[in-house]
Amino acid sequence: MGKFFLNLVFFVFSFPILITGEEIMQAVVYKPGGAEGLSVEKVPKPNVQDGHILIRIHYFAINRADILQRKGLYPPPKGESDILGLESAGIINEIGSNCSKPW
């Protein structure tokens, strides 16, 4: 099915926001606990690694794993992103090397 399914790096959440220079993105940042621990902040845009793609997210769903992760009860697996929104839809913004394109 292609290596592009292996890893996804999520870029910008469900609201369209333009950031000058494309080196900065906005993401929902959280601290474990209640809703007061959620904020939208400017963070460095991740570099696209070998076998990864970068997606500009337009919509995402909050699932049980996201809720538990935000509460501090479900740490992301080692080496994976701590950005919420495991289920998402968007536009591929960049493609890393060694990604096939059968999609």
PDB file of N, CA and C in Angstrom:
ATOM      1  N   MET A   1       0.826  -1.196   0.000  1.00  0.00           N
ATOM      2  CA  MET A   1       0.000   0.000   0.000  1.00  0.00           C
ATOM      3  C   MET A   1       0.863   1.249   0.000  1.00  0.00           C
ATOM      4  N   GLY A   2       2.121   1.105   0.281  1.00  0.00           N
ATOM      5  CA  GLY A   2       2.995   2.261   0.225  1.00  0.00           C
ATOM      6  C   GLY A   2       3.459   2.688   1.600  1.00  0.00           C
ATOM      7  N   LYS A   3       4.668   3.219   1.624  1.00  0.00           N
ATOM      8  CA  LYS A   3       5.233   3.639   2.897  1.00  0.00           C
ATOM      9  C   LYS A   3       4.557   4.875   3.457  1.00  0.00           C
ATOM     10  N   PHE A   4       3.783   5.568   2.627  1.00  0.00           N
ATOM     11  CA  PHE A   4       3.178   6.789   3.127  1.00  0.00           C
ATOM     12  C   PHE A   4       2.212   6.510   4.255  1.00  0.00           C
ATOM     13  N   PHE A   5       1.744   5.266   4.394  1.00  0.00           N
ATOM     14  CA  PHE A   5       0.861   4.900   5.492  1.00  0.00           C
ATOM     15  C   PHE A   5       1.624   4.702   6.796  1.00  0.00           C
ATOM     16  N   LEU A   6       2.932   4.528   6.722  1.00  0.00           N
ATOM     17  CA  LEU A   6       3.700   4.197   7.919  1.00  0.00           C
ATOM     18  C   LEU A   6       3.683   5.308   8.957  1.00  0.00           C
ATOM     19  N   ASN A   7       3.916   6.518   8.543  1.00  0.00           N
ATOM     20  CA  ASN A   7       4.021   7.620   9.495  1.00  0.00           C
ATOM     21  C   ASN A   7       3.409   8.878   8.907  1.00  0.00           C
ATOM     22  N   LEU A   8       2.644   9.556   9.709  1.00  0.00           N
ATOM     23  CA  LEU A   8       2.062  10.821   9.294  1.00  0.00           C
ATOM     24  C   LEU A   8       2.480  11.888  10.292  1.00  0.00           C
ATOM     25  N   VAL A   9       2.892  13.013   9.805  1.00  0.00           N
ATOM     26  CA  VAL A   9       3.203  14.150  10.653  1.00  0.00           C
ATOM     27  C   VAL A   9       2.107  15.167  10.411  1.00  0.00           C
ATOM     28  N   PHE A  10       1.460  15.603  11.467  1.00  0.00           N
ATOM     29  CA  PHE A  10       0.294  16.462  11.304  1.00  0.00           C
ATOM     30  C   PHE A  10       0.679  17.930  11.366  1.00  0.00           C
ATOM     31  N   PHE A  11       0.228  18.682  10.386  1.00  0.00           N
ATOM     32  CA  PHE A  11       0.610  20.076  10.195  1.00  0.00           C
ATOM     33  C   PHE A  11      -0.638  20.945  10.196  1.00  0.00           C
ATOM     34  N   VAL A  12      -0.767  21.834  11.125  1.00  0.00           N
ATOM     35  CA  VAL A  12      -1.860  22.789  11.265  1.00  0.00           C
ATOM     36  C   VAL A  12      -3.185  22.068  11.500  1.00  0.00           C
ATOM     37  N   PHE A  13      -3.919  22.494  12.488  1.00  0.00           N
ATOM     38  CA  PHE A  13      -5.180  21.848  12.818  1.00  0.00           C
ATOM     39  C   PHE A  13      -6.355  22.475  12.092  1.00  0.00           C
ATOM     40  N   SER A  14      -7.552  22.186  12.510  1.00  0.00           N
ATOM     41  CA  SER A  14      -8.767  22.322  11.710  1.00  0.00           C
ATOM     42  C   SER A  14      -9.131  23.730  11.265  1.00  0.00           C
ATOM     43  N   PHE A  15      -8.406  24.722  11.623  1.00  0.00           N
ATOM     44  CA  PHE A  15      -8.745  26.075  11.230  1.00  0.00           C
ATOM     45  C   PHE A  15      -7.690  26.600  10.263  1.00  0.00           C
ATOM     46  N   PRO A  16      -8.121  27.276   9.184  1.00  0.00           N
ATOM     47  CA  PRO A  16      -7.144  27.772   8.208  1.00  0.00           C
ATOM     48  C   PRO A  16      -6.415  29.009   8.730  1.00  0.00           C
ATOM     49  N   ILE A  17      -5.144  28.901   8.995  1.00  0.00           N
ATOM     50  CA  ILE A  17      -4.348  30.012   9.500  1.00  0.00           C
ATOM     51  C   ILE A  17      -3.080  30.093   8.657  1.00  0.00           C
ATOM     52  N   LEU A  18      -2.791  31.254   8.140  1.00  0.00           N
ATOM     53  CA  LEU A  18      -1.579  31.437   7.342  1.00  0.00           C
ATOM     54  C   LEU A  18      -0.447  31.891   8.248  1.00  0.00           C
ATOM     55  N   ILE A  19       0.665  31.251   8.138  1.00  0.00           N
ATOM     56  CA  ILE A  19       1.841  31.589   8.929  1.00  0.00           C
ATOM     57  C   ILE A  19       2.935  32.033   7.959  1.00  0.00           C
ATOM     58  N   THR A  20       3.510  33.192   8.209  1.00  0.00           N
ATOM     59  CA  THR A  20       4.553  33.718   7.343  1.00  0.00           C
ATOM     60  C   THR A  20       5.800  32.845   7.412  1.00  0.00           C
ATOM     61  N   GLY A  21       6.364  32.534   6.269  1.00  0.00           N
ATOM     62  CA  GLY A  21       7.627  31.823   6.196  1.00  0.00           C
ATOM     63  C   GLY A  21       7.519  30.319   6.221  1.00  0.00           C
ATOM     64  N   GLU A  22       6.399  29.769   6.584  1.00  0.00           N
ATOM     65  CA  GLU A  22       6.170  28.324   6.593  1.00  0.00           C
ATOM     66  C   GLU A  22       7.162  27.552   7.466  1.00  0.00           C
ATOM     67  N   GLU A  23       7.920  28.220   8.324  1.00  0.00           N
ATOM     68  CA  GLU A  23       8.805  27.515   9.255  1.00  0.00           C
ATOM     69  C   GLU A  23       8.121  27.339  10.600  1.00  0.00           C
ATOM     70  N   ILE A  24       7.005  28.008  10.778  1.00  0.00           N
ATOM     71  CA  ILE A  24       6.220  27.965  12.009  1.00  0.00           C
ATOM     72  C   ILE A  24       4.836  27.456  11.649  1.00  0.00           C
ATOM     73  N   MET A  25       4.235  26.687  12.541  1.00  0.00           N
ATOM     74  CA  MET A  25       2.860  26.238  12.347  1.00  0.00           C
ATOM     75  C   MET A  25       2.098  26.491  13.632  1.00  0.00           C
ATOM     76  N   GLN A  26       0.794  26.383  13.578  1.00  0.00           N
ATOM     77  CA  GLN A  26      -0.011  26.463  14.782  1.00  0.00           C
ATOM     78  C   GLN A  26      -0.555  25.082  15.089  1.00  0.00           C
ATOM     79  N   ALA A  27      -0.521  24.734  16.350  1.00  0.00           N
ATOM     80  CA  ALA A  27      -0.994  23.423  16.785  1.00  0.00           C
ATOM     81  C   ALA A  27      -1.711  23.576  18.113  1.00  0.00           C
ATOM     82  N   VAL A  28      -2.606  22.645  18.383  1.00  0.00           N
ATOM     83  CA  VAL A  28      -3.239  22.584  19.690  1.00  0.00           C
ATOM     84  C   VAL A  28      -2.225  21.948  20.631  1.00  0.00           C
ATOM     85  N   VAL A  29      -1.838  22.700  21.649  1.00  0.00           N
ATOM     86  CA  VAL A  29      -0.867  22.233  22.626  1.00  0.00           C
ATOM     87  C   VAL A  29      -1.630  21.956  23.913  1.00  0.00           C
ATOM     88  N   TYR A  30      -1.259  20.920  24.618  1.00  0.00           N
ATOM     89  CA  TYR A  30      -1.999  20.585  25.825  1.00  0.00           C
ATOM     90  C   TYR A  30      -1.079  20.272  26.983  1.00  0.00           C
ATOM     91  N   LYS A  31      -1.635  20.516  28.163  1.00  0.00           N
ATOM     92  CA  LYS A  31      -1.043  20.049  29.406  1.00  0.00           C
ATOM     93  C   LYS A  31      -2.069  19.093  29.998  1.00  0.00           C
ATOM     94  N   PRO A  32      -1.650  17.988  30.599  1.00  0.00           N
ATOM     95  CA  PRO A  32      -2.619  17.053  31.163  1.00  0.00           C
ATOM     96  C   PRO A  32      -3.573  17.750  32.125  1.00  0.00           C
ATOM     97  N   GLY A  33      -4.836  17.352  32.075  1.00  0.00           N
ATOM     98  CA  GLY A  33      -5.831  17.926  32.969  1.00  0.00           C
ATOM     99  C   GLY A  33      -7.069  18.364  32.228  1.00  0.00           C
ATOM    100  N   GLY A  34      -7.681  19.431  32.703  1.00  0.00           N
ATOM    101  CA  GLY A  34      -8.932  19.929  32.148  1.00  0.00           C
ATOM    102  C   GLY A  34      -8.732  20.798  30.918  1.00  0.00           C
ATOM    103  N   ALA A  35      -9.846  21.376  30.463  1.00  0.00           N
ATOM    104  CA  ALA A  35      -9.842  22.195  29.249  1.00  0.00           C
ATOM    105  C   ALA A  35      -8.929  23.412  29.369  1.00  0.00           C
ATOM    106  N   GLU A  36      -8.683  23.881  30.587  1.00  0.00           N
ATOM    107  CA  GLU A  36      -7.806  25.044  30.766  1.00  0.00           C
ATOM    108  C   GLU A  36      -6.371  24.743  30.335  1.00  0.00           C
ATOM    109  N   GLY A  37      -6.042  23.476  30.157  1.00  0.00           N
ATOM    110  CA  GLY A  37      -4.706  23.090  29.720  1.00  0.00           C
ATOM    111  C   GLY A  37      -4.537  23.052  28.214  1.00  0.00           C
ATOM    112  N   LEU A  38      -5.599  23.395  27.455  1.00  0.00           N
ATOM    113  CA  LEU A  38      -5.526  23.410  25.987  1.00  0.00           C
ATOM    114  C   LEU A  38      -5.256  24.820  25.494  1.00  0.00           C
ATOM    115  N   SER A  39      -4.392  24.952  24.513  1.00  0.00           N
ATOM    116  CA  SER A  39      -4.144  26.259  23.902  1.00  0.00           C
ATOM    117  C   SER A  39      -3.672  26.057  22.469  1.00  0.00           C
ATOM    118  N   VAL A  40      -3.840  27.090  21.661  1.00  0.00           N
ATOM    119  CA  VAL A  40      -3.324  27.087  20.294  1.00  0.00           C
ATOM    120  C   VAL A  40      -2.062  27.934  20.318  1.00  0.00           C
ATOM    121  N   GLU A  41      -0.953  27.339  19.907  1.00  0.00           N
ATOM    122  CA  GLU A  41       0.328  28.032  19.968  1.00  0.00           C
ATOM    123  C   GLU A  41       1.103  27.864  18.670  1.00  0.00           C
ATOM    124  N   LYS A  42       2.029  28.784  18.438  1.00  0.00           N
ATOM    125  CA  LYS A  42       2.942  28.666  17.305  1.00  0.00           C
ATOM    126  C   LYS A  42       4.087  27.753  17.728  1.00  0.00           C
ATOM    127  N   VAL A  43       4.368  26.768  16.899  1.00  0.00           N
ATOM    128  CA  VAL A  43       5.436  25.803  17.178  1.00  0.00           C
ATOM    129  C   VAL A  43       6.256  25.612  15.906  1.00  0.00           C
ATOM    130  N   PRO A  44       7.494  25.133  16.018  1.00  0.00           N
ATOM    131  CA  PRO A  44       8.287  24.882  14.811  1.00  0.00           C
ATOM    132  C   PRO A  44       7.644  23.800  13.947  1.00  0.00           C
ATOM    133  N   LYS A  45       7.638  24.026  12.641  1.00  0.00           N
ATOM    134  CA  LYS A  45       7.121  23.026  11.709  1.00  0.00           C
ATOM    135  C   LYS A  45       8.077  21.840  11.701  1.00  0.00           C
ATOM    136  N   PRO A  46       7.544  20.616  11.794  1.00  0.00           N
ATOM    137  CA  PRO A  46       8.445  19.458  11.770  1.00  0.00           C
ATOM    138  C   PRO A  46       9.099  19.279  10.408  1.00  0.00           C
ATOM    139  N   ASN A  47      10.315  18.780  10.408  1.00  0.00           N
ATOM    140  CA  ASN A  47      10.995  18.440   9.158  1.00  0.00           C
ATOM    141  C   ASN A  47      10.458  17.106   8.661  1.00  0.00           C
ATOM    142  N   VAL A  48      10.252  16.993   7.368  1.00  0.00           N
ATOM    143  CA  VAL A  48       9.766  15.741   6.797  1.00  0.00           C
ATOM    144  C   VAL A  48      10.931  14.762   6.753  1.00  0.00           C
ATOM    145  N   GLN A  49      10.749  13.635   7.404  1.00  0.00           N
ATOM    146  CA  GLN A  49      11.793  12.623   7.460  1.00  0.00           C
ATOM    147  C   GLN A  49      11.571  11.573   6.385  1.00  0.00           C
ATOM    148  N   ASP A  50      12.582  10.757   6.196  1.00  0.00           N
ATOM    149  CA  ASP A  50      12.518   9.652   5.250  1.00  0.00           C
ATOM    150  C   ASP A  50      11.333   8.748   5.595  1.00  0.00           C
ATOM    151  N   GLY A  51      10.473   8.470   4.626  1.00  0.00           N
ATOM    152  CA  GLY A  51       9.325   7.602   4.842  1.00  0.00           C
ATOM    153  C   GLY A  51       8.129   8.278   5.486  1.00  0.00           C
ATOM    154  N   HIS A  52       8.155   9.601   5.635  1.00  0.00           N
ATOM    155  CA  HIS A  52       7.061  10.350   6.246  1.00  0.00           C
ATOM    156  C   HIS A  52       6.431  11.290   5.219  1.00  0.00           C
ATOM    157  N   ILE A  53       5.225  11.738   5.519  1.00  0.00           N
ATOM    158  CA  ILE A  53       4.606  12.822   4.763  1.00  0.00           C
ATOM    159  C   ILE A  53       4.150  13.882   5.745  1.00  0.00           C
ATOM    160  N   LEU A  54       4.009  15.099   5.270  1.00  0.00           N
ATOM    161  CA  LEU A  54       3.537  16.216   6.080  1.00  0.00           C
ATOM    162  C   LEU A  54       2.167  16.606   5.553  1.00  0.00           C
ATOM    163  N   ILE A  55       1.172  16.633   6.423  1.00  0.00           N
ATOM    164  CA  ILE A  55      -0.202  16.916   6.018  1.00  0.00           C
ATOM    165  C   ILE A  55      -0.670  18.222   6.643  1.00  0.00           C
ATOM    166  N   ARG A  56      -1.267  19.078   5.833  1.00  0.00           N
ATOM    167  CA  ARG A  56      -1.938  20.275   6.347  1.00  0.00           C
ATOM    168  C   ARG A  56      -3.354  19.833   6.709  1.00  0.00           C
ATOM    169  N   ILE A  57      -3.615  19.736   8.002  1.00  0.00           N
ATOM    170  CA  ILE A  57      -4.878  19.192   8.495  1.00  0.00           C
ATOM    171  C   ILE A  57      -5.994  20.221   8.360  1.00  0.00           C
ATOM    172  N   HIS A  58      -7.124  19.768   7.823  1.00  0.00           N
ATOM    173  CA  HIS A  58      -8.312  20.613   7.728  1.00  0.00           C
ATOM    174  C   HIS A  58      -9.378  20.201   8.737  1.00  0.00           C
ATOM    175  N   TYR A  59      -9.470  18.912   9.019  1.00  0.00           N
ATOM    176  CA  TYR A  59     -10.452  18.394   9.978  1.00  0.00           C
ATOM    177  C   TYR A  59      -9.817  17.256  10.759  1.00  0.00           C
ATOM    178  N   PHE A  60     -10.190  17.130  12.023  1.00  0.00           N
ATOM    179  CA  PHE A  60      -9.737  15.975  12.788  1.00  0.00           C
ATOM    180  C   PHE A  60     -10.798  15.599  13.801  1.00  0.00           C
ATOM    181  N   ALA A  61     -10.759  14.365  14.224  1.00  0.00           N
ATOM    182  CA  ALA A  61     -11.688  13.853  15.226  1.00  0.00           C
ATOM    183  C   ALA A  61     -10.925  13.637  16.528  1.00  0.00           C
ATOM    184  N   ILE A  62     -11.624  13.785  17.608  1.00  0.00           N
ATOM    185  CA  ILE A  62     -11.050  13.468  18.908  1.00  0.00           C
ATOM    186  C   ILE A  62     -11.560  12.083  19.288  1.00  0.00           C
ATOM    187  N   ASN A  63     -10.663  11.152  19.505  1.00  0.00           N
ATOM    188  CA  ASN A  63     -11.079   9.810  19.897  1.00  0.00           C
ATOM    189  C   ASN A  63     -10.645   9.535  21.335  1.00  0.00           C
ATOM    190  N   ARG A  64     -10.953   8.352  21.798  1.00  0.00           N
ATOM    191  CA  ARG A  64     -10.674   8.001  23.193  1.00  0.00           C
ATOM    192  C   ARG A  64      -9.179   8.118  23.517  1.00  0.00           C
ATOM    193  N   ALA A  65      -8.326   7.681  22.616  1.00  0.00           N
ATOM    194  CA  ALA A  65      -6.878   7.776  22.856  1.00  0.00           C
ATOM    195  C   ALA A  65      -6.446   9.232  23.026  1.00  0.00           C
ATOM    196  N   ASP A  66      -7.017  10.154  22.230  1.00  0.00           N
ATOM    197  CA  ASP A  66      -6.686  11.578  22.358  1.00  0.00           C
ATOM    198  C   ASP A  66      -7.100  12.110  23.727  1.00  0.00           C
ATOM    199  N   ILE A  67      -8.302  11.740  24.165  1.00  0.00           N
ATOM    200  CA  ILE A  67      -8.807  12.213  25.462  1.00  0.00           C
ATOM    201  C   ILE A  67      -7.930  11.686  26.593  1.00  0.00           C
ATOM    202  N   LEU A  68      -7.614  10.403  26.556  1.00  0.00           N
ATOM    203  CA  LEU A  68      -6.762   9.827  27.599  1.00  0.00           C
ATOM    204  C   LEU A  68      -5.358  10.418  27.566  1.00  0.00           C
ATOM    205  N   GLN A  69      -4.828  10.674  26.370  1.00  0.00           N
ATOM    206  CA  GLN A  69      -3.500  11.276  26.242  1.00  0.00           C
ATOM    207  C   GLN A  69      -3.503  12.671  26.846  1.00  0.00           C
ATOM    208  N   ARG A  70      -4.536  13.449  26.570  1.00  0.00           N
ATOM    209  CA  ARG A  70      -4.614  14.807  27.104  1.00  0.00           C
ATOM    210  C   ARG A  70      -4.711  14.809  28.623  1.00  0.00           C
ATOM    211  N   LYS A  71      -5.374  13.806  29.180  1.00  0.00           N
ATOM    212  CA  LYS A  71      -5.505  13.700  30.634  1.00  0.00           C
ATOM    213  C   LYS A  71      -4.236  13.169  31.296  1.00  0.00           C
ATOM    214  N   GLY A  72      -3.256  12.778  30.484  1.00  0.00           N
ATOM    215  CA  GLY A  72      -2.015  12.247  31.023  1.00  0.00           C
ATOM    216  C   GLY A  72      -2.085  10.767  31.354  1.00  0.00           C
ATOM    217  N   LEU A  73      -3.111  10.080  30.854  1.00  0.00           N
ATOM    218  CA  LEU A  73      -3.318   8.665  31.164  1.00  0.00           C
ATOM    219  C   LEU A  73      -2.871   7.732  30.044  1.00  0.00           C
ATOM    220  N   TYR A  74      -2.433   8.271  28.914  1.00  0.00           N
ATOM    221  CA  TYR A  74      -2.055   7.451  27.763  1.00  0.00           C
ATOM    222  C   TYR A  74      -0.903   8.139  27.042  1.00  0.00           C
ATOM    223  N   PRO A  75       0.337   7.833  27.425  1.00  0.00           N
ATOM    224  CA  PRO A  75       1.461   8.473  26.737  1.00  0.00           C
ATOM    225  C   PRO A  75       1.570   7.959  25.308  1.00  0.00           C
ATOM    226  N   PRO A  76       1.963   8.823  24.366  1.00  0.00           N
ATOM    227  CA  PRO A  76       2.139   8.342  22.992  1.00  0.00           C
ATOM    228  C   PRO A  76       3.247   7.290  22.951  1.00  0.00           C
ATOM    229  N   PRO A  77       3.150   6.343  22.023  1.00  0.00           N
ATOM    230  CA  PRO A  77       4.213   5.341  21.895  1.00  0.00           C
ATOM    231  C   PRO A  77       5.567   6.016  21.647  1.00  0.00           C
ATOM    232  N   LYS A  78       6.624   5.376  22.097  1.00  0.00           N
ATOM    233  CA  LYS A  78       7.975   5.927  21.954  1.00  0.00           C
ATOM    234  C   LYS A  78       8.262   6.264  20.495  1.00  0.00           C
ATOM    235  N   GLY A  79       8.734   7.492  20.263  1.00  0.00           N
ATOM    236  CA  GLY A  79       9.085   7.935  18.922  1.00  0.00           C
ATOM    237  C   GLY A  79       7.930   8.519  18.133  1.00  0.00           C
ATOM    238  N   GLU A  80       6.722   8.499  18.685  1.00  0.00           N
ATOM    239  CA  GLU A  80       5.556   9.035  17.977  1.00  0.00           C
ATOM    240  C   GLU A  80       5.249  10.453  18.448  1.00  0.00           C
ATOM    241  N   SER A  81       4.474  11.165  17.666  1.00  0.00           N
ATOM    242  CA  SER A  81       4.111  12.546  17.955  1.00  0.00           C
ATOM    243  C   SER A  81       3.173  12.630  19.152  1.00  0.00           C
ATOM    244  N   ASP A  82       3.292  13.710  19.913  1.00  0.00           N
ATOM    245  CA  ASP A  82       2.358  13.946  21.009  1.00  0.00           C
ATOM    246  C   ASP A  82       1.258  14.926  20.609  1.00  0.00           C
ATOM    247  N   ILE A  83       1.163  15.241  19.324  1.00  0.00           N
ATOM    248  CA  ILE A  83       0.116  16.134  18.828  1.00  0.00           C
ATOM    249  C   ILE A  83      -1.193  15.364  18.780  1.00  0.00           C
ATOM    250  N   LEU A  84      -2.245  15.953  19.351  1.00  0.00           N
ATOM    251  CA  LEU A  84      -3.558  15.316  19.360  1.00  0.00           C
ATOM    252  C   LEU A  84      -4.153  15.287  17.961  1.00  0.00           C
ATOM    253  N   GLY A  85      -5.055  14.344  17.716  1.00  0.00           N
ATOM    254  CA  GLY A  85      -5.752  14.260  16.438  1.00  0.00           C
ATOM    255  C   GLY A  85      -5.275  13.087  15.609  1.00  0.00           C
ATOM    256  N   LEU A  86      -5.413  11.877  16.138  1.00  0.00           N
ATOM    257  CA  LEU A  86      -4.948  10.687  15.419  1.00  0.00           C
ATOM    258  C   LEU A  86      -5.737  10.442  14.143  1.00  0.00           C
ATOM    259  N   GLU A  87      -7.013  10.832  14.137  1.00  0.00           N
ATOM    260  CA  GLU A  87      -7.867  10.659  12.956  1.00  0.00           C
ATOM    261  C   GLU A  87      -8.047  12.028  12.322  1.00  0.00           C
ATOM    262  N   SER A  88      -7.635  12.161  11.068  1.00  0.00           N
ATOM    263  CA  SER A  88      -7.658  13.485  10.460  1.00  0.00           C
ATOM    264  C   SER A  88      -7.802  13.404   8.947  1.00  0.00           C
ATOM    265  N   ALA A  89      -8.118  14.553   8.363  1.00  0.00           N
ATOM    266  CA  ALA A  89      -8.212  14.684   6.907  1.00  0.00           C
ATOM    267  C   ALA A  89      -7.578  16.006   6.512  1.00  0.00           C
ATOM    268  N   GLY A  90      -6.846  15.989   5.406  1.00  0.00           N
ATOM    269  CA  GLY A  90      -6.201  17.208   4.962  1.00  0.00           C
ATOM    270  C   GLY A  90      -5.537  17.018   3.618  1.00  0.00           C
ATOM    271  N   ILE A  91      -4.602  17.892   3.329  1.00  0.00           N
ATOM    272  CA  ILE A  91      -3.899  17.896   2.050  1.00  0.00           C
ATOM    273  C   ILE A  91      -2.428  17.595   2.309  1.00  0.00           C
ATOM    274  N   ILE A  92      -1.861  16.700   1.506  1.00  0.00           N
ATOM    275  CA  ILE A  92      -0.438  16.401   1.636  1.00  0.00           C
ATOM    276  C   ILE A  92       0.344  17.645   1.243  1.00  0.00           C
ATOM    277  N   ASN A  93       1.180  18.111   2.166  1.00  0.00           N
ATOM    278  CA  ASN A  93       1.935  19.341   1.968  1.00  0.00           C
ATOM    279  C   ASN A  93       3.353  19.057   1.476  1.00  0.00           C
ATOM    280  N   GLU A  94       3.969  18.001   2.003  1.00  0.00           N
ATOM    281  CA  GLU A  94       5.320  17.603   1.597  1.00  0.00           C
ATOM    282  C   GLU A  94       5.418  16.084   1.659  1.00  0.00           C
ATOM    283  N   ILE A  95       6.258  15.521   0.801  1.00  0.00           N
ATOM    284  CA  ILE A  95       6.470  14.081   0.768  1.00  0.00           C
ATOM    285  C   ILE A  95       7.952  13.811   0.999  1.00  0.00           C
ATOM    286  N   GLY A  96       8.251  13.000   2.001  1.00  0.00           N
ATOM    287  CA  GLY A  96       9.632  12.629   2.287  1.00  0.00           C
ATOM    288  C   GLY A  96      10.141  11.616   1.272  1.00  0.00           C
ATOM    289  N   SER A  97      11.438  11.398   1.280  1.00  0.00           N
ATOM    290  CA  SER A  97      12.007  10.416   0.352  1.00  0.00           C
ATOM    291  C   SER A  97      11.569   9.010   0.751  1.00  0.00           C
ATOM    292  N   ASN A  98      11.652   8.111  -0.193  1.00  0.00           N
ATOM    293  CA  ASN A  98      11.269   6.710  -0.013  1.00  0.00           C
ATOM    294  C   ASN A  98       9.788   6.513   0.278  1.00  0.00           C
ATOM    295  N   CYS A  99       8.949   7.416  -0.183  1.00  0.00           N
ATOM    296  CA  CYS A  99       7.500   7.234  -0.095  1.00  0.00           C
ATOM    297  C   CYS A  99       6.996   6.869  -1.487  1.00  0.00           C
ATOM    298  N   SER A 100       6.225   5.809  -1.572  1.00  0.00           N
ATOM    299  CA  SER A 100       5.654   5.439  -2.870  1.00  0.00           C
ATOM    300  C   SER A 100       4.353   6.204  -3.073  1.00  0.00           C
ATOM    301  N   LYS A 101       3.855   6.263  -4.313  1.00  0.00           N
ATOM    302  CA  LYS A 101       2.677   7.065  -4.632  1.00  0.00           C
ATOM    303  C   LYS A 101       1.561   6.244  -5.275  1.00  0.00           C
ATOM    304  N   PRO A 102       1.165   5.093  -4.711  1.00  0.00           N
ATOM    305  CA  PRO A 102       0.051   4.359  -5.309  1.00  0.00           C
ATOM    306  C   PRO A 102      -1.295   4.987  -4.985  1.00  0.00           C
ATOM    307  N   TRP A 103      -1.335   5.983  -4.165  1.00  0.00           N
ATOM    308  CA  TRP A 103      -2.562   6.622  -3.743  1.00  0.00           C
ATOM    309  C   TRP A 103      -2.992   7.624  -4.776  1.00  0.00           C
TER     310      TRP A 103
END
